[in-house]
Structure formats: structure tokens, C-alpha cells
Amino acid sequence: MTVRGVLLDRDGTIIVDSGHVGAVDDVVFIDGAIEAIARLNAAGLPVAVVTNQAGVARGMYELADVDLVHKHMAAEMAHLGAHVDAWFFCPYHPAGVVSAFARASADRKPAPGMALAAAAALDLDLSASWVVGDSACDVGLARAVGARPLRIGDSGTVGDDVDTVLDLASAVDVILAEHAASGVPASGVPTGFPVRRYDHAGRFALDYAGELARAMVTVHAGRFEAAARILDGAYQRDATVFTCGNGGSASIANHFQCDHVKGVRTGTGLLTRVQSLSTNVEILSAIANDNGYENVFDFQLQSQARPGDVLVAVSSSGRSPNIVRALEWCRENDVETVALTGFTGGPARELATVSIHVDSSNYGVIEDAHQACMHLLAQYVRQSRMSEHDVSTQVF
């Protein structure tokens, strides 16, 4: 089934258009742009960048330079929990001076080539999607493929039938409002497992394993990188990493303390401060009894957490009131957060500094995936502090 998505121009929409940006040093993100993309990610809407890069044809920079700029942008976005699902650029221009690229192209906006490529790569219904950009060629692209154009800039420069917005953040406000009103499912909303009754445990096991593998690959690799940076930074500066969760997620939070204290120390000597807020039944029951169960985590954080600390919150639904309150408290008190979520991700997916989201609607699959995420983060931090020889000879 095809889904709706968002096609974004690059220069003037995501980064400042200083004229043919072909070097990493020239990349300056427009205020709020990364956070806006993260909101699209959280809503499950696929995001593609479609950008004309005539600087290649004009000999100002090379194809490899464009790739480096996009890799740099992806890394910077990951720090704030955002990602682009697919990048497309057109290096051709009829007036180019580099013979290999001096020609017209169906990929150059407003021609539809890049949009069609994005639709094929992400399974998009372009007629139900949006194109956001700051130039007439972006509006032309939208019209060429039947998408909804949103123009960043002065309303006087386009026709009355094109809505103009101040910036990408404002465009995302419009997109999310229209998407919510449409009732159309977002990309990546998981289908159920199992969908039929099984009479053979072995067959169920094979299909369960396949569902778990599918769920794991839905987690964007950039989220792991961003989460690892947060954890490694906390360990480096001797900050405390707190964990929390309910039910099965509480066991993952407790296990996190084991692997990120004892596990990462083996072969590295790294002394970490990790504390689970889910493990002390005395304080949990006292807070729950006197203040309400929704306060069991943020109450502890108020006493123990300090600016610069980190919270790892594990919640399959992302809706548990005590998880949401803890994340809200952290946001207000300079405590970075990593959320491990499933289903639609709930409020936790948007509140966290970094969201490691597993697209599945099976609790067991989600919790198994979260356990794997917890392990891989511990092992990544551990191996990053070891020599090549030690990595190859140690047992992980």
C-alpha cells in the first residue's frame, strides 16, 4: 500500500541558501528545521530531500562533495533525533561547463524525475503528499506530480492557489494538521502479528523471528549513533545515567544497569554511573501510595538527577503517564533523554532527545527489540574504547 510523504527542498528550506552550497563548512541549518523534520519522523511520514545541484555542472564542486554535505547534514540531524529517509539531487544544467553534466534532465526541478524516484524508493502516493520549498521550481515540481505545494517565502511571488509559510517549521505545522484531519494512516504503522492461528510451534517461531528481524530494521541507524553519543558523553564526564520502565520494560531498564556497568567495564576499565529507577520496590511503593503511580519516576529524578545527567526511558506504548512525566521533567531540567518505544511511539517518542522507535504492534517483539537495542548500545560503547586486538580476542 502506498503512503503519503513529504518532499523537501534543501537550500533555503533546510539549510541557508548561500549560493551553491558544496562544502560541509558552508552548511548552516535554518533555525527549527531539524526539529521540524523530527516532527515529521515522529508522525511516521517519510521524508525525502529533492535538490537541484547545478554547482556540479558549473564546475563549482563535484558529486562527492554533494554526498559529503548530505552525510554531514544527516549526522547533524541525528543529534536531534531527526532523519531523512532518502536523498536525491540533480547535478545537471544545460548551461553547465562540465561536459558530463551540461545537459537538460528530467530530474531537474520542476521536472518530476526526483519526485518519481522518491515515490518508487519510499512507496509514496505523490497525489497525497506534500512538496515544501522556497522557489517556483518547487511549486512546479508539486504541480507536475499532483502533490500539495507549500512555498516558503513571500506570498506575492506565487499564485493565489499556493499557500505560503514562514519556514519549514510552519510548513510542518500545516502538514501535520492536514494529515491528522485526513484520517489517512501514516507510513510505518505496524500491522499485527500474529494475524492467524498457528498449530505448530516451530512455524510460529520462524515467523516470530522474521517479525523481530523486520522490527529491528525499522529503527533508523542514525538514532543508534545519536543515542551512543549521548551515553558515551555521559560516561566520559562521569554523569549519571538513569533508566526506567514498567512491567517487561522495567526488566529491560534493570538489565540496562547490569550491562552498562559490569559489561562495559570488562576490558575497558570504564567506571559508569547507571541507576535504574524501577528496581527499588520500597521507594516505588512509597511514592505510588502517597503521591500516585504516575509520579514514581519523576519524583526520584527530582531528588537524584542533576543537569547533564541522562535518562533512558523504556516504554512499548510510549504513553505510560509515569514515563511521560519523567521525560517532561528531564526536558525542563537539562537532562538528555533516550526513549525506546514501539507501536506509534506515543508522547515519549516526541519528548525524548533521541527516540529509538521500533515499528511493531506486538509487545513481545517490541520488548525483544528493545533488549537488543540495550545490548548493542552497551557493546558499541565497550568496543569503542578497546584496541582492534582486544575487540577481536574478547568475548562480547
Protein backbone atom coordinates (compact mmCIF):
# COMPACT_ATOMS: atom_id res chain seq x y z
CA MET A 1 0.00 0.00 0.00
CA THR A 2 1.38 3.42 -0.94
CA VAL A 3 1.62 6.13 1.72
CA ARG A 4 1.85 9.90 1.87
CA GLY A 5 5.16 11.60 2.46
CA VAL A 6 6.98 14.92 2.36
CA LEU A 7 9.47 16.06 -0.31
CA LEU A 8 11.77 18.83 0.92
CA ASP A 9 13.93 21.24 -1.00
CA ARG A 10 17.38 21.64 0.61
CA ASP A 11 18.90 25.13 0.21
CA GLY A 12 16.61 27.80 1.59
CA THR A 13 14.37 25.21 3.23
CA ILE A 14 16.58 23.09 5.50
CA ILE A 15 19.88 24.97 5.28
CA VAL A 16 20.70 28.57 4.48
CA ASP A 17 20.97 29.21 0.73
CA SER A 18 24.32 31.00 0.49
CA GLY A 19 24.66 30.18 -3.20
CA HIS A 20 25.69 26.70 -4.36
CA VAL A 21 26.47 25.03 -1.02
CA GLY A 22 29.06 22.43 -1.96
CA ALA A 23 31.20 22.14 1.17
CA VAL A 24 30.49 20.96 4.71
CA ASP A 25 31.87 24.22 6.11
CA ASP A 26 29.18 26.14 4.23
CA VAL A 27 26.28 24.22 5.79
CA VAL A 28 24.20 26.35 8.18
CA PHE A 29 20.90 24.90 9.31
CA ILE A 30 17.90 27.22 9.38
CA ASP A 31 16.58 27.61 12.92
CA GLY A 32 13.99 24.98 13.76
CA ALA A 33 14.48 23.00 10.55
CA ILE A 34 15.94 19.87 12.14
CA GLU A 35 13.28 19.84 14.85
CA ALA A 36 10.62 20.19 12.16
CA ILE A 37 11.95 17.14 10.33
CA ALA A 38 11.98 15.22 13.61
CA ARG A 39 8.27 16.01 13.99
CA LEU A 40 7.59 14.53 10.56
CA ASN A 41 9.59 11.44 11.57
CA ALA A 42 7.60 11.12 14.78
CA ALA A 43 4.34 11.30 12.82
CA GLY A 44 5.51 8.40 10.63
CA LEU A 45 5.65 10.48 7.45
CA PRO A 46 8.53 9.53 5.11
CA VAL A 47 10.83 12.44 4.30
CA ALA A 48 12.86 12.83 1.10
CA VAL A 49 15.16 15.66 0.08
CA VAL A 50 14.99 16.67 -3.60
CA THR A 51 17.52 19.31 -4.55
CA ASN A 52 18.90 20.83 -7.76
CA GLN A 53 22.70 20.95 -7.55
CA ALA A 54 23.76 22.79 -10.69
CA GLY A 55 27.05 23.62 -8.98
CA VAL A 56 28.29 20.25 -10.20
CA ALA A 57 27.55 21.10 -13.83
CA ARG A 58 29.06 24.55 -13.35
CA GLY A 59 32.31 23.05 -12.05
CA MET A 60 31.97 24.60 -8.59
CA TYR A 61 32.12 21.26 -6.77
CA GLU A 62 31.91 17.55 -7.53
CA LEU A 63 29.42 14.73 -6.94
CA ALA A 64 31.45 13.51 -3.97
CA ASP A 65 31.16 16.94 -2.36
CA VAL A 66 27.36 16.77 -2.52
CA ASP A 67 27.47 13.35 -0.86
CA LEU A 68 29.72 14.71 1.90
CA VAL A 69 27.34 17.60 2.53
CA HIS A 70 24.41 15.20 2.82
CA LYS A 71 26.30 12.86 5.14
CA HIS A 72 27.19 15.84 7.33
CA MET A 73 23.58 17.02 7.37
CA ALA A 74 22.38 13.52 8.27
CA ALA A 75 24.84 13.32 11.16
CA GLU A 76 23.81 16.73 12.50
CA MET A 77 20.13 15.80 12.23
CA ALA A 78 20.73 12.56 14.11
CA HIS A 79 21.99 14.53 17.11
CA LEU A 80 18.48 15.97 17.45
CA GLY A 81 16.64 12.74 16.66
CA ALA A 82 15.77 13.57 13.06
CA HIS A 83 16.46 11.75 9.81
CA VAL A 84 15.82 11.94 6.07
CA ASP A 85 14.63 8.68 4.55
CA ALA A 86 16.04 9.33 1.07
CA TRP A 87 18.26 11.94 -0.59
CA PHE A 88 18.00 12.89 -4.27
CA PHE A 89 19.89 15.57 -6.19
CA CYS A 90 20.22 16.62 -9.81
CA PRO A 91 23.75 17.66 -10.92
CA TYR A 92 22.71 18.59 -14.50
CA HIS A 93 22.20 22.01 -16.10
CA PRO A 94 22.02 22.92 -19.80
CA ALA A 95 24.41 25.85 -19.25
CA GLY A 96 26.99 23.78 -17.40
CA VAL A 97 30.71 23.87 -18.15
CA VAL A 98 31.42 20.25 -17.16
CA SER A 99 30.58 18.28 -20.28
CA ALA A 100 29.31 15.20 -18.45
CA PHE A 101 26.63 17.27 -16.71
CA ALA A 102 25.98 20.04 -19.27
CA ARG A 103 22.55 18.95 -20.44
CA ALA A 104 18.86 19.09 -19.64
CA SER A 105 17.50 16.43 -17.31
CA ALA A 106 14.09 15.11 -16.34
CA ASP A 107 15.41 15.10 -12.77
CA ARG A 108 15.97 18.85 -12.60
CA LYS A 109 13.09 20.58 -10.81
CA PRO A 110 10.44 21.47 -11.84
CA ALA A 111 10.62 18.27 -13.90
CA PRO A 112 9.23 15.28 -11.97
CA GLY A 113 12.19 12.87 -12.05
CA MET A 114 13.39 13.16 -8.45
CA ALA A 115 9.84 13.06 -7.08
CA LEU A 116 9.11 9.91 -9.07
CA ALA A 117 12.33 8.34 -7.81
CA ALA A 118 11.37 9.20 -4.23
CA ALA A 119 7.93 7.69 -4.76
CA ALA A 120 9.48 4.47 -6.04
CA ALA A 121 12.01 4.28 -3.20
CA LEU A 122 9.57 5.06 -0.38
CA ASP A 123 6.34 3.71 -1.88
CA LEU A 124 4.72 7.16 -1.83
CA ASP A 125 1.38 8.29 -3.14
CA LEU A 126 2.52 11.63 -4.57
CA SER A 127 -1.06 12.85 -5.03
CA ALA A 128 -1.49 12.63 -1.25
CA SER A 129 1.96 14.03 -0.42
CA TRP A 130 3.49 17.48 0.09
CA VAL A 131 6.36 19.38 -1.56
CA VAL A 132 8.00 22.11 0.53
CA GLY A 133 10.48 24.59 -0.94
CA ASP A 134 11.38 28.24 -1.34
CA SER A 135 11.33 28.61 -5.11
CA ALA A 136 8.98 28.47 -8.07
CA CYS A 137 10.61 25.24 -9.26
CA ASP A 138 9.47 23.52 -6.05
CA VAL A 139 5.91 24.62 -6.70
CA GLY A 140 6.31 23.43 -10.27
CA LEU A 141 7.51 20.04 -9.10
CA ALA A 142 4.47 19.67 -6.85
CA ARG A 143 2.16 20.54 -9.71
CA ALA A 144 3.96 18.14 -12.06
CA VAL A 145 3.23 15.17 -9.81
CA GLY A 146 -0.06 16.29 -8.30
CA ALA A 147 1.34 16.91 -4.81
CA ARG A 148 0.37 19.68 -2.39
CA PRO A 149 2.84 22.63 -2.64
CA LEU A 150 3.86 24.71 0.37
CA ARG A 151 6.03 27.69 -0.54
CA ILE A 152 8.44 29.23 1.97
CA GLY A 153 8.74 32.97 1.48
CA ASP A 154 6.75 35.95 0.23
CA SER A 155 3.16 35.19 -0.74
CA GLY A 156 3.37 37.79 -3.51
CA THR A 157 5.78 35.71 -5.56
CA VAL A 158 3.39 32.85 -6.32
CA GLY A 159 -0.20 32.41 -7.35
CA ASP A 160 -3.17 32.67 -5.01
CA ASP A 161 -3.61 28.92 -5.15
CA VAL A 162 -0.29 28.24 -3.38
CA ASP A 163 -0.10 28.54 0.38
CA THR A 164 2.99 30.29 1.69
CA VAL A 165 4.60 29.77 5.08
CA LEU A 166 7.33 31.46 7.09
CA ASP A 167 9.70 28.49 7.33
CA LEU A 168 9.91 24.71 7.43
CA ALA A 169 8.60 24.59 11.00
CA SER A 170 5.47 26.43 9.87
CA ALA A 171 5.12 24.12 6.88
CA VAL A 172 5.24 21.10 9.18
CA ASP A 173 2.50 22.65 11.32
CA VAL A 174 0.30 22.75 8.21
CA ILE A 175 1.28 19.25 7.09
CA LEU A 176 0.62 17.61 10.45
CA ALA A 177 -2.73 19.36 10.81
CA GLU A 178 -3.81 18.27 7.34
CA HIS A 179 -2.51 14.76 7.90
CA ALA A 180 -4.39 14.40 11.19
CA ALA A 181 -7.59 15.72 9.61
CA SER A 182 -7.35 13.33 6.66
CA GLY A 183 -7.51 10.12 8.65
CA VAL A 184 -5.01 8.55 6.25
CA PRO A 185 -2.65 6.14 8.07
CA ALA A 186 0.96 7.26 8.42
CA SER A 187 3.84 5.33 6.91
CA GLY A 188 5.20 2.58 9.06
CA VAL A 189 2.08 1.99 11.17
CA PRO A 190 2.67 -1.64 12.04
CA THR A 191 0.43 -4.48 11.04
CA GLY A 192 -0.48 -7.02 13.67
CA PHE A 193 1.38 -10.23 14.44
CA PRO A 194 0.12 -12.88 14.57
CA VAL A 195 -2.73 -12.44 12.12
CA ARG A 196 -3.80 -16.09 12.16
CA ARG A 197 -3.90 -19.09 14.48
CA TYR A 198 -0.88 -21.42 14.42
CA ASP A 199 -0.99 -25.19 15.05
CA HIS A 200 2.77 -25.72 15.00
CA ALA A 201 5.13 -24.02 17.47
CA GLY A 202 8.08 -24.32 15.09
CA ARG A 203 6.27 -22.44 12.35
CA PHE A 204 5.23 -19.78 14.83
CA ALA A 205 8.84 -19.49 15.99
CA LEU A 206 10.10 -18.95 12.45
CA ASP A 207 7.50 -16.28 11.73
CA TYR A 208 8.11 -14.63 15.10
CA ALA A 209 11.83 -14.47 14.34
CA GLY A 210 11.04 -12.91 10.97
CA GLU A 211 8.79 -10.32 12.62
CA LEU A 212 11.55 -9.49 15.11
CA ALA A 213 14.08 -9.07 12.30
CA ARG A 214 11.66 -6.83 10.40
CA ALA A 215 11.04 -4.75 13.52
CA MET A 216 14.76 -4.24 14.17
CA VAL A 217 15.46 -2.87 10.71
CA THR A 218 12.75 -0.23 11.15
CA VAL A 219 15.00 1.57 13.64
CA HIS A 220 16.93 4.27 11.81
CA ALA A 221 20.69 3.71 12.19
CA GLY A 222 21.20 7.39 12.93
CA ARG A 223 19.20 7.01 16.13
CA PHE A 224 21.69 4.44 17.43
CA GLU A 225 24.56 6.79 16.64
CA ALA A 226 22.84 9.69 18.42
CA ALA A 227 21.97 7.56 21.47
CA ALA A 228 25.51 6.16 21.66
CA ARG A 229 26.92 9.70 21.61
CA ILE A 230 24.67 10.73 24.50
CA LEU A 231 25.61 7.69 26.59
CA ASP A 232 29.33 7.87 25.79
CA GLY A 233 29.34 11.56 26.63
CA ALA A 234 27.67 10.91 29.97
CA TYR A 235 30.18 8.18 30.83
CA GLN A 236 33.06 10.41 29.75
CA ARG A 237 32.02 13.28 32.04
CA ASP A 238 31.08 10.96 34.93
CA ALA A 239 27.39 11.88 34.75
CA THR A 240 24.67 9.52 35.97
CA VAL A 241 22.53 7.59 33.51
CA PHE A 242 19.11 6.73 34.93
CA THR A 243 16.78 4.12 33.45
CA CYS A 244 13.10 3.38 33.97
CA GLY A 245 10.24 1.29 32.65
CA ASN A 246 7.09 -0.59 33.66
CA GLY A 247 6.47 -4.34 33.57
CA GLY A 248 8.63 -6.02 30.95
CA SER A 249 10.19 -2.65 30.20
CA ALA A 250 11.25 -2.43 33.86
CA SER A 251 13.26 -5.63 33.42
CA ILE A 252 14.99 -4.08 30.39
CA ALA A 253 15.73 -0.94 32.42
CA ASN A 254 17.21 -3.07 35.20
CA HIS A 255 19.19 -5.15 32.70
CA PHE A 256 20.50 -1.90 31.21
CA GLN A 257 22.15 -1.15 34.54
CA CYS A 258 23.85 -4.56 34.53
CA ASP A 259 25.26 -4.38 31.01
CA HIS A 260 26.18 -0.70 31.11
CA VAL A 261 28.02 -1.05 34.44
CA LYS A 262 29.52 -4.52 34.54
CA GLY A 263 29.50 -5.22 30.81
CA VAL A 264 31.16 -2.06 29.51
CA ARG A 265 33.79 -2.18 32.26
CA THR A 266 35.10 -5.54 31.10
CA GLY A 267 38.25 -4.96 29.10
CA THR A 268 37.93 -1.16 29.29
CA GLY A 269 38.11 -0.24 32.96
CA LEU A 270 35.35 2.30 32.27
CA LEU A 271 33.57 3.17 35.52
CA THR A 272 30.00 4.19 34.75
CA ARG A 273 27.25 5.58 36.92
CA VAL A 274 23.99 3.86 35.95
CA GLN A 275 20.94 3.61 38.17
CA SER A 276 17.56 2.02 37.49
CA LEU A 277 14.56 3.87 38.92
CA SER A 278 12.47 0.70 38.51
CA THR A 279 14.33 -1.61 40.85
CA ASN A 280 13.67 -0.32 44.40
CA VAL A 281 10.27 -1.60 45.48
CA GLU A 282 10.38 0.32 48.76
CA ILE A 283 10.69 3.78 47.21
CA LEU A 284 8.44 2.85 44.28
CA SER A 285 5.60 1.68 46.54
CA ALA A 286 6.01 4.61 48.92
CA ILE A 287 5.74 7.18 46.11
CA ALA A 288 2.91 5.28 44.42
CA ASN A 289 0.98 5.01 47.68
CA ASP A 290 1.36 8.63 48.76
CA ASN A 291 1.78 10.57 45.51
CA GLY A 292 0.35 8.34 42.78
CA TYR A 293 1.96 5.80 40.46
CA GLU A 294 2.28 8.40 37.71
CA ASN A 295 4.94 10.13 39.85
CA VAL A 296 7.19 7.17 40.71
CA PHE A 297 9.97 8.15 38.27
CA ASP A 298 9.98 11.95 38.14
CA PHE A 299 9.80 12.09 41.96
CA GLN A 300 13.05 10.12 42.16
CA LEU A 301 14.68 12.23 39.45
CA GLN A 302 13.86 15.42 41.34
CA SER A 303 15.97 14.18 44.25
CA GLN A 304 18.78 12.45 42.37
CA ALA A 305 19.24 13.83 38.85
CA ARG A 306 21.37 16.85 38.04
CA PRO A 307 21.81 18.89 34.85
CA GLY A 308 23.98 16.93 32.43
CA ASP A 309 22.66 13.56 33.53
CA VAL A 310 20.79 11.23 31.15
CA LEU A 311 17.56 9.24 31.35
CA VAL A 312 16.87 6.14 29.27
CA ALA A 313 13.09 5.52 29.31
CA VAL A 314 11.74 2.20 28.05
CA SER A 315 8.07 2.09 27.09
CA SER A 316 6.47 -0.06 24.40
CA SER A 317 3.45 2.22 24.08
CA GLY A 318 5.24 5.47 24.87
CA ARG A 319 2.08 6.57 26.66
CA SER A 320 2.64 5.48 30.28
CA PRO A 321 1.95 8.57 32.43
CA ASN A 322 4.98 7.99 34.67
CA ILE A 323 7.28 7.73 31.63
CA VAL A 324 5.80 10.85 30.04
CA ARG A 325 6.12 12.83 33.29
CA ALA A 326 9.74 11.75 33.68
CA LEU A 327 10.59 12.82 30.13
CA GLU A 328 8.84 16.14 30.61
CA TRP A 329 10.76 16.78 33.83
CA CYS A 330 14.04 15.96 32.11
CA ARG A 331 13.28 18.34 29.24
CA GLU A 332 12.70 21.15 31.73
CA ASN A 333 15.81 20.38 33.81
CA ASP A 334 18.66 19.95 31.31
CA VAL A 335 18.67 16.15 31.40
CA GLU A 336 19.07 14.49 27.99
CA THR A 337 16.82 11.54 27.26
CA VAL A 338 16.73 8.42 25.12
CA ALA A 339 13.33 6.74 24.65
CA LEU A 340 12.86 3.15 23.48
CA THR A 341 9.33 2.93 22.08
CA GLY A 342 7.04 0.77 19.94
CA PHE A 343 3.51 0.89 18.45
CA THR A 344 3.03 4.56 17.41
CA GLY A 345 5.58 5.79 19.97
CA GLY A 346 3.11 7.93 21.90
CA PRO A 347 4.20 11.19 23.57
CA ALA A 348 7.52 9.62 24.62
CA ARG A 349 8.67 9.46 21.01
CA GLU A 350 8.35 13.23 20.63
CA LEU A 351 9.55 14.23 24.10
CA ALA A 352 12.86 12.36 24.05
CA THR A 353 16.11 13.90 22.88
CA VAL A 354 16.61 10.73 20.83
CA SER A 355 13.86 8.22 20.07
CA ILE A 356 14.79 4.65 19.21
CA HIS A 357 11.46 3.61 17.78
CA VAL A 358 10.54 0.03 16.85
CA ASP A 359 7.66 -0.24 14.38
CA SER A 360 5.69 -3.21 15.67
CA SER A 361 2.36 -3.82 17.39
CA ASN A 362 3.39 -7.00 19.23
CA TYR A 363 4.52 -6.41 22.83
CA GLY A 364 6.88 -9.39 22.84
CA VAL A 365 8.55 -8.35 19.60
CA ILE A 366 8.93 -4.75 20.81
CA GLU A 367 10.43 -5.79 24.14
CA ASP A 368 12.80 -8.26 22.45
CA ALA A 369 13.89 -5.50 20.08
CA HIS A 370 14.38 -3.08 22.99
CA GLN A 371 16.51 -5.67 24.76
CA ALA A 372 18.65 -5.99 21.65
CA CYS A 373 18.96 -2.19 21.42
CA MET A 374 20.07 -2.06 25.04
CA HIS A 375 22.71 -4.74 24.40
CA LEU A 376 24.05 -3.26 21.19
CA LEU A 377 24.46 0.18 22.76
CA ALA A 378 26.44 -1.34 25.64
CA GLN A 379 28.61 -3.38 23.32
CA TYR A 380 29.20 -0.45 20.99
CA VAL A 381 30.37 1.79 23.85
CA ARG A 382 32.56 -1.01 25.17
CA GLN A 383 34.27 -1.88 21.88
CA SER A 384 34.81 1.79 21.03
CA ARG A 385 37.19 2.02 24.00
CA MET A 386 39.17 -1.09 23.10
CA SER A 387 42.02 -1.75 20.70
CA GLU A 388 41.46 -3.72 17.48
CA HIS A 389 43.32 -6.65 19.04
CA ASP A 390 41.24 -6.63 22.21
CA VAL A 391 38.00 -6.43 20.26
CA SER A 392 38.98 -9.46 18.20
CA THR A 393 40.00 -11.54 21.22
CA GLN A 394 37.39 -10.60 23.86
CA VAL A 395 34.05 -12.34 24.30
CA PHE A 396 31.10 -9.98 23.91
